[in-house]
Amino acid sequence: MKIEILDEAEKDIAIGVHFYESQSEGLGKYFLNSIFSDIESLHIYGGIHIVISDYYRLLSKRFPFSMYYKMSNKTIYIYAVLDCRKKPSWIQERLS
């Protein structure tokens, strides 16, 4: 199965890296590695997650972030990587 991270999701990841790196040197890199590890798990577990607003939602194992994805043919498309601490209404609007 192929995984494609769309531009908006890449921006979301970059924002997260910047935030965590500003908290502590090296934490941004750890965040990035953790998120990519979670995304790589979709090769095995893609399609088993809860569906929210027509997207599957994968919760990160180490950070309060969720990956929202869809599956089409043999490709998984990552649409968003969002901070779960945001207001639910903001997350819902972002996914619309």
PDB file of N, CA and C in Angstrom:
ATOM      1  N   MET A   1       0.846  -1.169   0.000  1.00  0.00           N
ATOM      2  CA  MET A   1       0.000   0.000   0.000  1.00  0.00           C
ATOM      3  C   MET A   1       0.895   1.236   0.000  1.00  0.00           C
ATOM      4  N   LYS A   2       0.583   2.186  -0.844  1.00  0.00           N
ATOM      5  CA  LYS A   2       1.330   3.444  -0.957  1.00  0.00           C
ATOM      6  C   LYS A   2       0.688   4.479  -0.032  1.00  0.00           C
ATOM      7  N   ILE A   3       1.522   5.313   0.602  1.00  0.00           N
ATOM      8  CA  ILE A   3       1.025   6.390   1.459  1.00  0.00           C
ATOM      9  C   ILE A   3       1.465   7.716   0.855  1.00  0.00           C
ATOM     10  N   GLU A   4       0.507   8.628   0.695  1.00  0.00           N
ATOM     11  CA  GLU A   4       0.800   9.952   0.155  1.00  0.00           C
ATOM     12  C   GLU A   4       0.364  11.013   1.164  1.00  0.00           C
ATOM     13  N   ILE A   5       1.303  11.847   1.565  1.00  0.00           N
ATOM     14  CA  ILE A   5       1.010  12.946   2.488  1.00  0.00           C
ATOM     15  C   ILE A   5       0.745  14.188   1.645  1.00  0.00           C
ATOM     16  N   LEU A   6      -0.469  14.710   1.732  1.00  0.00           N
ATOM     17  CA  LEU A   6      -0.853  15.858   0.923  1.00  0.00           C
ATOM     18  C   LEU A   6      -0.252  17.141   1.495  1.00  0.00           C
ATOM     19  N   ASP A   7      -0.228  18.197   0.671  1.00  0.00           N
ATOM     20  CA  ASP A   7       0.433  19.451   1.041  1.00  0.00           C
ATOM     21  C   ASP A   7      -0.053  20.030   2.367  1.00  0.00           C
ATOM     22  N   GLU A   8      -1.358  20.053   2.585  1.00  0.00           N
ATOM     23  CA  GLU A   8      -1.889  20.614   3.838  1.00  0.00           C
ATOM     24  C   GLU A   8      -1.403  19.823   5.043  1.00  0.00           C
ATOM     25  N   ALA A   9      -1.333  18.522   4.911  1.00  0.00           N
ATOM     26  CA  ALA A   9      -0.849  17.689   6.011  1.00  0.00           C
ATOM     27  C   ALA A   9       0.638  17.939   6.263  1.00  0.00           C
ATOM     28  N   GLU A  10       1.403  18.159   5.195  1.00  0.00           N
ATOM     29  CA  GLU A  10       2.818  18.489   5.359  1.00  0.00           C
ATOM     30  C   GLU A  10       2.976  19.800   6.121  1.00  0.00           C
ATOM     31  N   LYS A  11       2.119  20.766   5.820  1.00  0.00           N
ATOM     32  CA  LYS A  11       2.145  22.044   6.546  1.00  0.00           C
ATOM     33  C   LYS A  11       1.809  21.829   8.022  1.00  0.00           C
ATOM     34  N   ASP A  12       0.819  20.987   8.278  1.00  0.00           N
ATOM     35  CA  ASP A  12       0.440  20.681   9.667  1.00  0.00           C
ATOM     36  C   ASP A  12       1.621  20.085  10.426  1.00  0.00           C
ATOM     37  N   ILE A  13       2.341  19.178   9.788  1.00  0.00           N
ATOM     38  CA  ILE A  13       3.493  18.530  10.419  1.00  0.00           C
ATOM     39  C   ILE A  13       4.583  19.561  10.690  1.00  0.00           C
ATOM     40  N   ALA A  14       4.832  20.440   9.728  1.00  0.00           N
ATOM     41  CA  ALA A  14       5.855  21.473   9.901  1.00  0.00           C
ATOM     42  C   ALA A  14       5.515  22.401  11.070  1.00  0.00           C
ATOM     43  N   ILE A  15       4.244  22.737  11.214  1.00  0.00           N
ATOM     44  CA  ILE A  15       3.807  23.580  12.343  1.00  0.00           C
ATOM     45  C   ILE A  15       4.076  22.863  13.665  1.00  0.00           C
ATOM     46  N   GLY A  16       3.764  21.569  13.709  1.00  0.00           N
ATOM     47  CA  GLY A  16       4.018  20.782  14.921  1.00  0.00           C
ATOM     48  C   GLY A  16       5.496  20.698  15.249  1.00  0.00           C
ATOM     49  N   VAL A  17       6.328  20.483  14.233  1.00  0.00           N
ATOM     50  CA  VAL A  17       7.776  20.423  14.438  1.00  0.00           C
ATOM     51  C   VAL A  17       8.273  21.740  15.009  1.00  0.00           C
ATOM     52  N   HIS A  18       7.833  22.844  14.425  1.00  0.00           N
ATOM     53  CA  HIS A  18       8.255  24.167  14.892  1.00  0.00           C
ATOM     54  C   HIS A  18       7.825  24.390  16.345  1.00  0.00           C
ATOM     55  N   PHE A  19       6.590  24.050  16.662  1.00  0.00           N
ATOM     56  CA  PHE A  19       6.087  24.222  18.031  1.00  0.00           C
ATOM     57  C   PHE A  19       6.935  23.441  19.029  1.00  0.00           C
ATOM     58  N   TYR A  20       7.151  22.153  18.768  1.00  0.00           N
ATOM     59  CA  TYR A  20       7.877  21.330  19.734  1.00  0.00           C
ATOM     60  C   TYR A  20       9.355  21.692  19.790  1.00  0.00           C
ATOM     61  N   GLU A  21       9.928  22.110  18.676  1.00  0.00           N
ATOM     62  CA  GLU A  21      11.332  22.521  18.694  1.00  0.00           C
ATOM     63  C   GLU A  21      11.500  23.796  19.515  1.00  0.00           C
ATOM     64  N   SER A  22      10.481  24.673  19.500  1.00  0.00           N
ATOM     65  CA  SER A  22      10.552  25.895  20.299  1.00  0.00           C
ATOM     66  C   SER A  22      10.407  25.595  21.797  1.00  0.00           C
ATOM     67  N   GLN A  23       9.858  24.431  22.133  1.00  0.00           N
ATOM     68  CA  GLN A  23       9.722  24.034  23.528  1.00  0.00           C
ATOM     69  C   GLN A  23      11.037  23.489  24.087  1.00  0.00           C
ATOM     70  N   SER A  24      11.723  22.703  23.259  1.00  0.00           N
ATOM     71  CA  SER A  24      12.978  22.090  23.694  1.00  0.00           C
ATOM     72  C   SER A  24      13.754  21.622  22.464  1.00  0.00           C
ATOM     73  N   GLU A  25      15.031  21.937  22.429  1.00  0.00           N
ATOM     74  CA  GLU A  25      15.848  21.549  21.287  1.00  0.00           C
ATOM     75  C   GLU A  25      15.853  20.025  21.122  1.00  0.00           C
ATOM     76  N   GLY A  26      15.576  19.596  19.909  1.00  0.00           N
ATOM     77  CA  GLY A  26      15.535  18.164  19.604  1.00  0.00           C
ATOM     78  C   GLY A  26      14.147  17.553  19.708  1.00  0.00           C
ATOM     79  N   LEU A  27      13.240  18.228  20.410  1.00  0.00           N
ATOM     80  CA  LEU A  27      11.887  17.693  20.566  1.00  0.00           C
ATOM     81  C   LEU A  27      11.130  17.726  19.246  1.00  0.00           C
ATOM     82  N   GLY A  28      11.396  18.723  18.411  1.00  0.00           N
ATOM     83  CA  GLY A  28      10.751  18.794  17.096  1.00  0.00           C
ATOM     84  C   GLY A  28      11.116  17.598  16.232  1.00  0.00           C
ATOM     85  N   LYS A  29      12.383  17.213  16.270  1.00  0.00           N
ATOM     86  CA  LYS A  29      12.830  16.041  15.496  1.00  0.00           C
ATOM     87  C   LYS A  29      12.180  14.769  16.037  1.00  0.00           C
ATOM     88  N   TYR A  30      12.073  14.673  17.352  1.00  0.00           N
ATOM     89  CA  TYR A  30      11.421  13.507  17.965  1.00  0.00           C
ATOM     90  C   TYR A  30       9.947  13.458  17.550  1.00  0.00           C
ATOM     91  N   PHE A  31       9.291  14.617  17.557  1.00  0.00           N
ATOM     92  CA  PHE A  31       7.895  14.705  17.102  1.00  0.00           C
ATOM     93  C   PHE A  31       7.777  14.202  15.661  1.00  0.00           C
ATOM     94  N   LEU A  32       8.653  14.709  14.785  1.00  0.00           N
ATOM     95  CA  LEU A  32       8.619  14.315  13.374  1.00  0.00           C
ATOM     96  C   LEU A  32       8.803  12.805  13.216  1.00  0.00           C
ATOM     97  N   ASN A  33       9.786  12.244  13.895  1.00  0.00           N
ATOM     98  CA  ASN A  33      10.018  10.794  13.816  1.00  0.00           C
ATOM     99  C   ASN A  33       8.822  10.007  14.330  1.00  0.00           C
ATOM    100  N   SER A  34       8.195  10.495  15.408  1.00  0.00           N
ATOM    101  CA  SER A  34       7.035   9.807  15.978  1.00  0.00           C
ATOM    102  C   SER A  34       5.849   9.837  15.018  1.00  0.00           C
ATOM    103  N   ILE A  35       5.600  10.993  14.420  1.00  0.00           N
ATOM    104  CA  ILE A  35       4.482  11.122  13.476  1.00  0.00           C
ATOM    105  C   ILE A  35       4.706  10.214  12.268  1.00  0.00           C
ATOM    106  N   PHE A  36       5.930  10.203  11.736  1.00  0.00           N
ATOM    107  CA  PHE A  36       6.195   9.329  10.586  1.00  0.00           C
ATOM    108  C   PHE A  36       6.087   7.853  10.957  1.00  0.00           C
ATOM    109  N   SER A  37       6.459   7.508  12.181  1.00  0.00           N
ATOM    110  CA  SER A  37       6.290   6.131  12.638  1.00  0.00           C
ATOM    111  C   SER A  37       4.807   5.765  12.684  1.00  0.00           C
ATOM    112  N   ASP A  38       3.980   6.687  13.204  1.00  0.00           N
ATOM    113  CA  ASP A  38       2.536   6.450  13.240  1.00  0.00           C
ATOM    114  C   ASP A  38       1.979   6.287  11.825  1.00  0.00           C
ATOM    115  N   ILE A  39       2.412   7.157  10.923  1.00  0.00           N
ATOM    116  CA  ILE A  39       1.934   7.094   9.537  1.00  0.00           C
ATOM    117  C   ILE A  39       2.360   5.786   8.885  1.00  0.00           C
ATOM    118  N   GLU A  40       3.589   5.361   9.128  1.00  0.00           N
ATOM    119  CA  GLU A  40       4.072   4.098   8.557  1.00  0.00           C
ATOM    120  C   GLU A  40       3.249   2.904   9.041  1.00  0.00           C
ATOM    121  N   SER A  41       2.678   3.001  10.237  1.00  0.00           N
ATOM    122  CA  SER A  41       1.858   1.904  10.757  1.00  0.00           C
ATOM    123  C   SER A  41       0.616   1.666   9.901  1.00  0.00           C
ATOM    124  N   LEU A  42       0.266   2.653   9.078  1.00  0.00           N
ATOM    125  CA  LEU A  42      -0.900   2.495   8.209  1.00  0.00           C
ATOM    126  C   LEU A  42      -0.694   1.403   7.161  1.00  0.00           C
ATOM    127  N   HIS A  43       0.561   1.051   6.874  1.00  0.00           N
ATOM    128  CA  HIS A  43       0.816  -0.066   5.959  1.00  0.00           C
ATOM    129  C   HIS A  43       0.167  -1.344   6.496  1.00  0.00           C
ATOM    130  N   ILE A  44       0.117  -1.464   7.802  1.00  0.00           N
ATOM    131  CA  ILE A  44      -0.463  -2.651   8.432  1.00  0.00           C
ATOM    132  C   ILE A  44      -1.907  -2.400   8.863  1.00  0.00           C
ATOM    133  N   TYR A  45      -2.162  -1.228   9.476  1.00  0.00           N
ATOM    134  CA  TYR A  45      -3.447  -0.986  10.126  1.00  0.00           C
ATOM    135  C   TYR A  45      -4.366  -0.026   9.376  1.00  0.00           C
ATOM    136  N   GLY A  46      -4.024   0.348   8.157  1.00  0.00           N
ATOM    137  CA  GLY A  46      -4.859   1.281   7.402  1.00  0.00           C
ATOM    138  C   GLY A  46      -6.286   0.773   7.233  1.00  0.00           C
ATOM    139  N   GLY A  47      -7.246   1.624   7.550  1.00  0.00           N
ATOM    140  CA  GLY A  47      -8.648   1.293   7.371  1.00  0.00           C
ATOM    141  C   GLY A  47      -9.355   0.743   8.593  1.00  0.00           C
ATOM    142  N   ILE A  48      -8.627   0.569   9.712  1.00  0.00           N
ATOM    143  CA  ILE A  48      -9.286   0.003  10.896  1.00  0.00           C
ATOM    144  C   ILE A  48      -9.704   1.067  11.904  1.00  0.00           C
ATOM    145  N   HIS A  49      -9.363   2.314  11.639  1.00  0.00           N
ATOM    146  CA  HIS A  49      -9.592   3.386  12.604  1.00  0.00           C
ATOM    147  C   HIS A  49     -11.008   3.944  12.516  1.00  0.00           C
ATOM    148  N   ILE A  50     -11.398   4.646  13.569  1.00  0.00           N
ATOM    149  CA  ILE A  50     -12.714   5.277  13.618  1.00  0.00           C
ATOM    150  C   ILE A  50     -12.837   6.298  12.481  1.00  0.00           C
ATOM    151  N   VAL A  51     -14.042   6.434  11.954  1.00  0.00           N
ATOM    152  CA  VAL A  51     -14.297   7.397  10.881  1.00  0.00           C
ATOM    153  C   VAL A  51     -14.925   8.642  11.500  1.00  0.00           C
ATOM    154  N   ILE A  52     -14.288   9.789  11.230  1.00  0.00           N
ATOM    155  CA  ILE A  52     -14.751  11.092  11.697  1.00  0.00           C
ATOM    156  C   ILE A  52     -14.861  11.999  10.472  1.00  0.00           C
ATOM    157  N   SER A  53     -16.045  12.532  10.215  1.00  0.00           N
ATOM    158  CA  SER A  53     -16.248  13.451   9.080  1.00  0.00           C
ATOM    159  C   SER A  53     -15.729  12.869   7.765  1.00  0.00           C
ATOM    160  N   ASP A  54     -16.007  11.616   7.515  1.00  0.00           N
ATOM    161  CA  ASP A  54     -15.617  10.911   6.290  1.00  0.00           C
ATOM    162  C   ASP A  54     -14.119  10.633   6.169  1.00  0.00           C
ATOM    163  N   TYR A  55     -13.361  10.823   7.250  1.00  0.00           N
ATOM    164  CA  TYR A  55     -11.936  10.501   7.271  1.00  0.00           C
ATOM    165  C   TYR A  55     -11.700   9.455   8.346  1.00  0.00           C
ATOM    166  N   TYR A  56     -10.749   8.566   8.082  1.00  0.00           N
ATOM    167  CA  TYR A  56     -10.265   7.701   9.151  1.00  0.00           C
ATOM    168  C   TYR A  56      -9.372   8.560  10.043  1.00  0.00           C
ATOM    169  N   ARG A  57      -9.426   8.313  11.364  1.00  0.00           N
ATOM    170  CA  ARG A  57      -8.599   9.081  12.292  1.00  0.00           C
ATOM    171  C   ARG A  57      -7.645   8.155  13.030  1.00  0.00           C
ATOM    172  N   LEU A  58      -6.366   8.389  12.827  1.00  0.00           N
ATOM    173  CA  LEU A  58      -5.304   7.665  13.519  1.00  0.00           C
ATOM    174  C   LEU A  58      -4.746   8.567  14.609  1.00  0.00           C
ATOM    175  N   LEU A  59      -4.801   8.122  15.857  1.00  0.00           N
ATOM    176  CA  LEU A  59      -4.238   8.889  16.963  1.00  0.00           C
ATOM    177  C   LEU A  59      -2.756   8.578  17.105  1.00  0.00           C
ATOM    178  N   SER A  60      -1.959   9.625  17.268  1.00  0.00           N
ATOM    179  CA  SER A  60      -0.525   9.446  17.484  1.00  0.00           C
ATOM    180  C   SER A  60      -0.309   8.751  18.827  1.00  0.00           C
ATOM    181  N   LYS A  61       0.708   7.924  18.886  1.00  0.00           N
ATOM    182  CA  LYS A  61       0.993   7.190  20.111  1.00  0.00           C
ATOM    183  C   LYS A  61       1.711   8.043  21.154  1.00  0.00           C
ATOM    184  N   ARG A  62       2.479   9.071  20.726  1.00  0.00           N
ATOM    185  CA  ARG A  62       3.314   9.806  21.674  1.00  0.00           C
ATOM    186  C   ARG A  62       2.944  11.269  21.853  1.00  0.00           C
ATOM    187  N   PHE A  63       2.194  11.835  20.928  1.00  0.00           N
ATOM    188  CA  PHE A  63       1.851  13.252  20.978  1.00  0.00           C
ATOM    189  C   PHE A  63       0.340  13.409  20.808  1.00  0.00           C
ATOM    190  N   PRO A  64      -0.222  14.517  21.284  1.00  0.00           N
ATOM    191  CA  PRO A  64      -1.679  14.714  21.163  1.00  0.00           C
ATOM    192  C   PRO A  64      -2.075  15.193  19.765  1.00  0.00           C
ATOM    193  N   PHE A  65      -1.772  14.387  18.770  1.00  0.00           N
ATOM    194  CA  PHE A  65      -2.075  14.704  17.379  1.00  0.00           C
ATOM    195  C   PHE A  65      -2.842  13.545  16.745  1.00  0.00           C
ATOM    196  N   SER A  66      -3.643  13.888  15.741  1.00  0.00           N
ATOM    197  CA  SER A  66      -4.388  12.887  14.972  1.00  0.00           C
ATOM    198  C   SER A  66      -4.075  13.053  13.499  1.00  0.00           C
ATOM    199  N   MET A  67      -3.972  11.940  12.807  1.00  0.00           N
ATOM    200  CA  MET A  67      -3.805  11.936  11.364  1.00  0.00           C
ATOM    201  C   MET A  67      -5.146  11.556  10.752  1.00  0.00           C
ATOM    202  N   TYR A  68      -5.614  12.354   9.818  1.00  0.00           N
ATOM    203  CA  TYR A  68      -6.881  12.106   9.136  1.00  0.00           C
ATOM    204  C   TYR A  68      -6.560  11.670   7.715  1.00  0.00           C
ATOM    205  N   TYR A  69      -7.088  10.496   7.331  1.00  0.00           N
ATOM    206  CA  TYR A  69      -6.729   9.937   6.032  1.00  0.00           C
ATOM    207  C   TYR A  69      -7.928   9.279   5.364  1.00  0.00           C
ATOM    208  N   LYS A  70      -7.768   9.083   4.063  1.00  0.00           N
ATOM    209  CA  LYS A  70      -8.736   8.332   3.264  1.00  0.00           C
ATOM    210  C   LYS A  70      -7.974   7.301   2.449  1.00  0.00           C
ATOM    211  N   MET A  71      -8.697   6.267   2.063  1.00  0.00           N
ATOM    212  CA  MET A  71      -8.094   5.208   1.259  1.00  0.00           C
ATOM    213  C   MET A  71      -8.778   5.153  -0.098  1.00  0.00           C
ATOM    214  N   SER A  72      -7.972   4.985  -1.137  1.00  0.00           N
ATOM    215  CA  SER A  72      -8.492   4.867  -2.491  1.00  0.00           C
ATOM    216  C   SER A  72      -7.599   3.906  -3.257  1.00  0.00           C
ATOM    217  N   ASN A  73      -8.203   2.880  -3.814  1.00  0.00           N
ATOM    218  CA  ASN A  73      -7.444   1.826  -4.499  1.00  0.00           C
ATOM    219  C   ASN A  73      -6.355   1.316  -3.577  1.00  0.00           C
ATOM    220  N   LYS A  74      -5.109   1.448  -3.946  1.00  0.00           N
ATOM    221  CA  LYS A  74      -4.016   0.953  -3.107  1.00  0.00           C
ATOM    222  C   LYS A  74      -3.184   2.097  -2.547  1.00  0.00           C
ATOM    223  N   THR A  75      -3.835   3.234  -2.323  1.00  0.00           N
ATOM    224  CA  THR A  75      -3.144   4.407  -1.794  1.00  0.00           C
ATOM    225  C   THR A  75      -3.883   4.961  -0.585  1.00  0.00           C
ATOM    226  N   ILE A  76      -3.118   5.355   0.414  1.00  0.00           N
ATOM    227  CA  ILE A  76      -3.651   6.046   1.587  1.00  0.00           C
ATOM    228  C   ILE A  76      -3.238   7.506   1.458  1.00  0.00           C
ATOM    229  N   TYR A  77      -4.216   8.400   1.522  1.00  0.00           N
ATOM    230  CA  TYR A  77      -3.956   9.831   1.417  1.00  0.00           C
ATOM    231  C   TYR A  77      -4.108  10.462   2.792  1.00  0.00           C
ATOM    232  N   ILE A  78      -3.039  11.087   3.290  1.00  0.00           N
ATOM    233  CA  ILE A  78      -3.078  11.798   4.560  1.00  0.00           C
ATOM    234  C   ILE A  78      -3.505  13.231   4.246  1.00  0.00           C
ATOM    235  N   TYR A  79      -4.670  13.618   4.760  1.00  0.00           N
ATOM    236  CA  TYR A  79      -5.223  14.943   4.486  1.00  0.00           C
ATOM    237  C   TYR A  79      -4.852  15.968   5.546  1.00  0.00           C
ATOM    238  N   ALA A  80      -4.717  15.550   6.797  1.00  0.00           N
ATOM    239  CA  ALA A  80      -4.446  16.490   7.874  1.00  0.00           C
ATOM    240  C   ALA A  80      -3.748  15.782   9.030  1.00  0.00           C
ATOM    241  N   VAL A  81      -2.901  16.530   9.727  1.00  0.00           N
ATOM    242  CA  VAL A  81      -2.250  16.066  10.953  1.00  0.00           C
ATOM    243  C   VAL A  81      -2.506  17.171  11.965  1.00  0.00           C
ATOM    244  N   LEU A  82      -3.493  16.959  12.830  1.00  0.00           N
ATOM    245  CA  LEU A  82      -4.016  18.043  13.662  1.00  0.00           C
ATOM    246  C   LEU A  82      -3.791  17.808  15.150  1.00  0.00           C
ATOM    247  N   ASP A  83      -3.576  18.915  15.833  1.00  0.00           N
ATOM    248  CA  ASP A  83      -3.402  18.927  17.286  1.00  0.00           C
ATOM    249  C   ASP A  83      -4.758  18.664  17.936  1.00  0.00           C
ATOM    250  N   CYS A  84      -4.859  17.624  18.731  1.00  0.00           N
ATOM    251  CA  CYS A  84      -6.125  17.253  19.381  1.00  0.00           C
ATOM    252  C   CYS A  84      -6.535  18.243  20.463  1.00  0.00           C
ATOM    253  N   ARG A  85      -5.632  19.143  20.849  1.00  0.00           N
ATOM    254  CA  ARG A  85      -5.956  20.121  21.888  1.00  0.00           C
ATOM    255  C   ARG A  85      -6.731  21.316  21.334  1.00  0.00           C
ATOM    256  N   LYS A  86      -6.879  21.374  20.019  1.00  0.00           N
ATOM    257  CA  LYS A  86      -7.668  22.451  19.395  1.00  0.00           C
ATOM    258  C   LYS A  86      -9.143  22.220  19.688  1.00  0.00           C
ATOM    259  N   LYS A  87      -9.916  23.291  19.555  1.00  0.00           N
ATOM    260  CA  LYS A  87     -11.365  23.181  19.745  1.00  0.00           C
ATOM    261  C   LYS A  87     -11.930  22.216  18.713  1.00  0.00           C
ATOM    262  N   PRO A  88     -12.856  21.360  19.121  1.00  0.00           N
ATOM    263  CA  PRO A  88     -13.473  20.436  18.171  1.00  0.00           C
ATOM    264  C   PRO A  88     -14.092  21.152  16.963  1.00  0.00           C
ATOM    265  N   SER A  89     -14.652  22.334  17.180  1.00  0.00           N
ATOM    266  CA  SER A  89     -15.246  23.076  16.065  1.00  0.00           C
ATOM    267  C   SER A  89     -14.176  23.492  15.053  1.00  0.00           C
ATOM    268  N   TRP A  90     -12.959  23.812  15.534  1.00  0.00           N
ATOM    269  CA  TRP A  90     -11.873  24.166  14.620  1.00  0.00           C
ATOM    270  C   TRP A  90     -11.447  22.944  13.798  1.00  0.00           C
ATOM    271  N   ILE A  91     -11.351  21.810  14.459  1.00  0.00           N
ATOM    272  CA  ILE A  91     -10.973  20.579  13.765  1.00  0.00           C
ATOM    273  C   ILE A  91     -12.026  20.230  12.713  1.00  0.00           C
ATOM    274  N   GLN A  92     -13.292  20.324  13.091  1.00  0.00           N
ATOM    275  CA  GLN A  92     -14.381  20.023  12.160  1.00  0.00           C
ATOM    276  C   GLN A  92     -14.338  20.945  10.951  1.00  0.00           C
ATOM    277  N   GLU A  93     -14.096  22.228  11.197  1.00  0.00           N
ATOM    278  CA  GLU A  93     -14.017  23.193  10.095  1.00  0.00           C
ATOM    279  C   GLU A  93     -12.824  22.897   9.193  1.00  0.00           C
ATOM    280  N   ARG A  94     -11.715  22.526   9.801  1.00  0.00           N
ATOM    281  CA  ARG A  94     -10.498  22.213   9.030  1.00  0.00           C
ATOM    282  C   ARG A  94     -10.722  21.007   8.123  1.00  0.00           C
ATOM    283  N   LEU A  95     -11.512  20.063   8.575  1.00  0.00           N
ATOM    284  CA  LEU A  95     -11.768  18.850   7.784  1.00  0.00           C
ATOM    285  C   LEU A  95     -12.824  19.054   6.716  1.00  0.00           C
ATOM    286  N   SER A  96     -13.554  20.163   6.775  1.00  0.00           N
ATOM    287  CA  SER A  96     -14.610  20.429   5.787  1.00  0.00           C
ATOM    288  C   SER A  96     -14.059  20.905   4.471  1.00  0.00           C
TER     289      SER A  96
END
